[in-house]
Amino acid sequence: MPKIEGNVLRDRGQDEYLHLKGWKVLRIWEHEIKDNLDATLEKAISFLETS
């Protein structure tokens, strides 16, 4: 899965850049929503509550 691995590496680089600029990043992948919407919503809510 070279495309996905490339996406993950790209995302990490973007996340690191944004963190250095003072941003907090929550990255949600499409499959997380499809596979377990409730857990994904809890993840987002928890992130927002602690931000």
PDB file of N, CA and C in Angstrom:
ATOM      1  N   MET A   1       0.807  -1.183   0.000  1.00  0.00           N
ATOM      2  CA  MET A   1       0.000   0.000   0.000  1.00  0.00           C
ATOM      3  C   MET A   1       0.865   1.269   0.000  1.00  0.00           C
ATOM      4  N   PRO A   2       1.646   1.453  -1.031  1.00  0.00           N
ATOM      5  CA  PRO A   2       2.537   2.614  -1.076  1.00  0.00           C
ATOM      6  C   PRO A   2       1.799   3.954  -1.008  1.00  0.00           C
ATOM      7  N   LYS A   3       0.605   4.042  -1.610  1.00  0.00           N
ATOM      8  CA  LYS A   3      -0.128   5.308  -1.602  1.00  0.00           C
ATOM      9  C   LYS A   3      -0.505   5.699  -0.179  1.00  0.00           C
ATOM     10  N   ILE A   4      -1.030   4.749   0.587  1.00  0.00           N
ATOM     11  CA  ILE A   4      -1.437   5.044   1.964  1.00  0.00           C
ATOM     12  C   ILE A   4      -0.223   5.390   2.811  1.00  0.00           C
ATOM     13  N   GLU A   5       0.850   4.639   2.638  1.00  0.00           N
ATOM     14  CA  GLU A   5       2.077   4.941   3.391  1.00  0.00           C
ATOM     15  C   GLU A   5       2.573   6.347   3.066  1.00  0.00           C
ATOM     16  N   GLY A   6       2.481   6.721   1.804  1.00  0.00           N
ATOM     17  CA  GLY A   6       2.872   8.070   1.401  1.00  0.00           C
ATOM     18  C   GLY A   6       1.976   9.126   2.031  1.00  0.00           C
ATOM     19  N   ASN A   7       0.678   8.824   2.082  1.00  0.00           N
ATOM     20  CA  ASN A   7      -0.265   9.758   2.710  1.00  0.00           C
ATOM     21  C   ASN A   7       0.043   9.933   4.192  1.00  0.00           C
ATOM     22  N   VAL A   8       0.347   8.835   4.862  1.00  0.00           N
ATOM     23  CA  VAL A   8       0.657   8.889   6.294  1.00  0.00           C
ATOM     24  C   VAL A   8       1.901   9.741   6.523  1.00  0.00           C
ATOM     25  N   LEU A   9       2.927   9.526   5.724  1.00  0.00           N
ATOM     26  CA  LEU A   9       4.156  10.316   5.859  1.00  0.00           C
ATOM     27  C   LEU A   9       3.898  11.794   5.585  1.00  0.00           C
ATOM     28  N   ARG A  10       3.130  12.079   4.555  1.00  0.00           N
ATOM     29  CA  ARG A  10       2.789  13.468   4.236  1.00  0.00           C
ATOM     30  C   ARG A  10       2.021  14.110   5.387  1.00  0.00           C
ATOM     31  N   ASP A  11       1.041  13.375   5.927  1.00  0.00           N
ATOM     32  CA  ASP A  11       0.240  13.891   7.038  1.00  0.00           C
ATOM     33  C   ASP A  11       1.105  14.181   8.256  1.00  0.00           C
ATOM     34  N   ARG A  12       2.039  13.298   8.545  1.00  0.00           N
ATOM     35  CA  ARG A  12       2.933  13.518   9.694  1.00  0.00           C
ATOM     36  C   ARG A  12       3.735  14.800   9.525  1.00  0.00           C
ATOM     37  N   GLY A  13       4.230  15.009   8.324  1.00  0.00           N
ATOM     38  CA  GLY A  13       4.983  16.229   8.054  1.00  0.00           C
ATOM     39  C   GLY A  13       4.126  17.474   8.204  1.00  0.00           C
ATOM     40  N   GLN A  14       2.913  17.406   7.699  1.00  0.00           N
ATOM     41  CA  GLN A  14       2.005  18.543   7.827  1.00  0.00           C
ATOM     42  C   GLN A  14       1.631  18.778   9.285  1.00  0.00           C
ATOM     43  N   ASP A  15       1.377  17.701  10.008  1.00  0.00           N
ATOM     44  CA  ASP A  15       1.039  17.827  11.431  1.00  0.00           C
ATOM     45  C   ASP A  15       2.180  18.466  12.210  1.00  0.00           C
ATOM     46  N   GLU A  16       3.397  18.025  11.938  1.00  0.00           N
ATOM     47  CA  GLU A  16       4.559  18.576  12.633  1.00  0.00           C
ATOM     48  C   GLU A  16       4.690  20.072  12.354  1.00  0.00           C
ATOM     49  N   TYR A  17       4.527  20.452  11.100  1.00  0.00           N
ATOM     50  CA  TYR A  17       4.598  21.863  10.729  1.00  0.00           C
ATOM     51  C   TYR A  17       3.537  22.671  11.477  1.00  0.00           C
ATOM     52  N   LEU A  18       2.314  22.175  11.488  1.00  0.00           N
ATOM     53  CA  LEU A  18       1.229  22.898  12.158  1.00  0.00           C
ATOM     54  C   LEU A  18       1.460  22.986  13.660  1.00  0.00           C
ATOM     55  N   HIS A  19       1.966  21.913  14.264  1.00  0.00           N
ATOM     56  CA  HIS A  19       2.282  21.938  15.699  1.00  0.00           C
ATOM     57  C   HIS A  19       3.327  23.013  16.000  1.00  0.00           C
ATOM     58  N   LEU A  20       4.322  23.113  15.142  1.00  0.00           N
ATOM     59  CA  LEU A  20       5.354  24.135  15.329  1.00  0.00           C
ATOM     60  C   LEU A  20       4.782  25.548  15.231  1.00  0.00           C
ATOM     61  N   LYS A  21       3.698  25.691  14.495  1.00  0.00           N
ATOM     62  CA  LYS A  21       3.030  26.985  14.352  1.00  0.00           C
ATOM     63  C   LYS A  21       1.988  27.225  15.447  1.00  0.00           C
ATOM     64  N   GLY A  22       1.859  26.266  16.384  1.00  0.00           N
ATOM     65  CA  GLY A  22       0.950  26.442  17.507  1.00  0.00           C
ATOM     66  C   GLY A  22      -0.436  25.849  17.334  1.00  0.00           C
ATOM     67  N   TRP A  23      -0.644  25.089  16.280  1.00  0.00           N
ATOM     68  CA  TRP A  23      -1.941  24.471  16.033  1.00  0.00           C
ATOM     69  C   TRP A  23      -1.987  23.086  16.667  1.00  0.00           C
ATOM     70  N   LYS A  24      -3.178  22.681  17.064  1.00  0.00           N
ATOM     71  CA  LYS A  24      -3.412  21.290  17.453  1.00  0.00           C
ATOM     72  C   LYS A  24      -4.150  20.629  16.296  1.00  0.00           C
ATOM     73  N   VAL A  25      -3.765  19.410  15.994  1.00  0.00           N
ATOM     74  CA  VAL A  25      -4.306  18.732  14.817  1.00  0.00           C
ATOM     75  C   VAL A  25      -5.018  17.455  15.235  1.00  0.00           C
ATOM     76  N   LEU A  26      -6.229  17.305  14.757  1.00  0.00           N
ATOM     77  CA  LEU A  26      -6.956  16.045  14.895  1.00  0.00           C
ATOM     78  C   LEU A  26      -7.181  15.535  13.485  1.00  0.00           C
ATOM     79  N   ARG A  27      -6.602  14.419  13.188  1.00  0.00           N
ATOM     80  CA  ARG A  27      -6.744  13.841  11.856  1.00  0.00           C
ATOM     81  C   ARG A  27      -7.667  12.638  11.954  1.00  0.00           C
ATOM     82  N   ILE A  28      -8.743  12.678  11.205  1.00  0.00           N
ATOM     83  CA  ILE A  28      -9.702  11.572  11.170  1.00  0.00           C
ATOM     84  C   ILE A  28      -9.734  11.037   9.746  1.00  0.00           C
ATOM     85  N   TRP A  29      -9.496   9.748   9.626  1.00  0.00           N
ATOM     86  CA  TRP A  29      -9.513   9.106   8.320  1.00  0.00           C
ATOM     87  C   TRP A  29     -10.932   8.634   8.007  1.00  0.00           C
ATOM     88  N   GLU A  30     -11.256   8.640   6.737  1.00  0.00           N
ATOM     89  CA  GLU A  30     -12.590   8.261   6.285  1.00  0.00           C
ATOM     90  C   GLU A  30     -13.007   6.886   6.819  1.00  0.00           C
ATOM     91  N   HIS A  31     -12.084   5.940   6.832  1.00  0.00           N
ATOM     92  CA  HIS A  31     -12.441   4.589   7.271  1.00  0.00           C
ATOM     93  C   HIS A  31     -12.818   4.566   8.750  1.00  0.00           C
ATOM     94  N   GLU A  32     -12.268   5.482   9.562  1.00  0.00           N
ATOM     95  CA  GLU A  32     -12.626   5.531  10.978  1.00  0.00           C
ATOM     96  C   GLU A  32     -14.107   5.855  11.142  1.00  0.00           C
ATOM     97  N   ILE A  33     -14.602   6.780  10.326  1.00  0.00           N
ATOM     98  CA  ILE A  33     -16.009   7.166  10.393  1.00  0.00           C
ATOM     99  C   ILE A  33     -16.886   6.006   9.946  1.00  0.00           C
ATOM    100  N   LYS A  34     -16.499   5.377   8.854  1.00  0.00           N
ATOM    101  CA  LYS A  34     -17.285   4.261   8.322  1.00  0.00           C
ATOM    102  C   LYS A  34     -17.283   3.064   9.263  1.00  0.00           C
ATOM    103  N   ASP A  35     -16.122   2.779   9.876  1.00  0.00           N
ATOM    104  CA  ASP A  35     -15.992   1.588  10.713  1.00  0.00           C
ATOM    105  C   ASP A  35     -16.595   1.754  12.095  1.00  0.00           C
ATOM    106  N   ASN A  36     -16.495   2.948  12.668  1.00  0.00           N
ATOM    107  CA  ASN A  36     -16.980   3.133  14.034  1.00  0.00           C
ATOM    108  C   ASN A  36     -17.264   4.611  14.288  1.00  0.00           C
ATOM    109  N   LEU A  37     -18.428   5.039  13.853  1.00  0.00           N
ATOM    110  CA  LEU A  37     -18.808   6.442  13.969  1.00  0.00           C
ATOM    111  C   LEU A  37     -18.812   6.908  15.419  1.00  0.00           C
ATOM    112  N   ASP A  38     -19.379   6.109  16.323  1.00  0.00           N
ATOM    113  CA  ASP A  38     -19.466   6.519  17.729  1.00  0.00           C
ATOM    114  C   ASP A  38     -18.088   6.779  18.331  1.00  0.00           C
ATOM    115  N   ALA A  39     -17.159   5.880  18.097  1.00  0.00           N
ATOM    116  CA  ALA A  39     -15.810   6.052  18.640  1.00  0.00           C
ATOM    117  C   ALA A  39     -15.126   7.270  18.020  1.00  0.00           C
ATOM    118  N   THR A  40     -15.376   7.503  16.744  1.00  0.00           N
ATOM    119  CA  THR A  40     -14.774   8.649  16.074  1.00  0.00           C
ATOM    120  C   THR A  40     -15.328   9.953  16.631  1.00  0.00           C
ATOM    121  N   LEU A  41     -16.625   9.988  16.891  1.00  0.00           N
ATOM    122  CA  LEU A  41     -17.223  11.181  17.502  1.00  0.00           C
ATOM    123  C   LEU A  41     -16.670  11.417  18.897  1.00  0.00           C
ATOM    124  N   GLU A  42     -16.517  10.353  19.669  1.00  0.00           N
ATOM    125  CA  GLU A  42     -15.943  10.485  21.014  1.00  0.00           C
ATOM    126  C   GLU A  42     -14.515  11.023  20.938  1.00  0.00           C
ATOM    127  N   LYS A  43     -13.767  10.538  19.967  1.00  0.00           N
ATOM    128  CA  LYS A  43     -12.395  11.008  19.761  1.00  0.00           C
ATOM    129  C   LYS A  43     -12.393  12.513  19.465  1.00  0.00           C
ATOM    130  N   ALA A  44     -13.300  12.950  18.601  1.00  0.00           N
ATOM    131  CA  ALA A  44     -13.374  14.366  18.238  1.00  0.00           C
ATOM    132  C   ALA A  44     -13.816  15.218  19.422  1.00  0.00           C
ATOM    133  N   ILE A  45     -14.805  14.755  20.155  1.00  0.00           N
ATOM    134  CA  ILE A  45     -15.294  15.494  21.323  1.00  0.00           C
ATOM    135  C   ILE A  45     -14.203  15.615  22.369  1.00  0.00           C
ATOM    136  N   SER A  46     -13.524  14.522  22.642  1.00  0.00           N
ATOM    137  CA  SER A  46     -12.440  14.536  23.620  1.00  0.00           C
ATOM    138  C   SER A  46     -11.341  15.508  23.193  1.00  0.00           C
ATOM    139  N   PHE A  47     -11.004  15.498  21.921  1.00  0.00           N
ATOM    140  CA  PHE A  47      -9.988  16.409  21.397  1.00  0.00           C
ATOM    141  C   PHE A  47     -10.406  17.859  21.610  1.00  0.00           C
ATOM    142  N   LEU A  48     -11.656  18.164  21.295  1.00  0.00           N
ATOM    143  CA  LEU A  48     -12.144  19.537  21.434  1.00  0.00           C
ATOM    144  C   LEU A  48     -12.211  19.973  22.895  1.00  0.00           C
ATOM    145  N   GLU A  49     -12.563  19.062  23.772  1.00  0.00           N
ATOM    146  CA  GLU A  49     -12.657  19.395  25.196  1.00  0.00           C
ATOM    147  C   GLU A  49     -11.294  19.678  25.812  1.00  0.00           C
ATOM    148  N   THR A  50     -10.254  19.078  25.261  1.00  0.00           N
ATOM    149  CA  THR A  50      -8.920  19.262  25.834  1.00  0.00           C
ATOM    150  C   THR A  50      -8.092  20.287  25.064  1.00  0.00           C
ATOM    151  N   SER A  51      -8.680  20.895  24.068  1.00  0.00           N
ATOM    152  CA  SER A  51      -7.945  21.883  23.256  1.00  0.00           C
ATOM    153  C   SER A  51      -8.112  23.281  23.810  1.00  0.00           C
TER     154      SER A  51
END
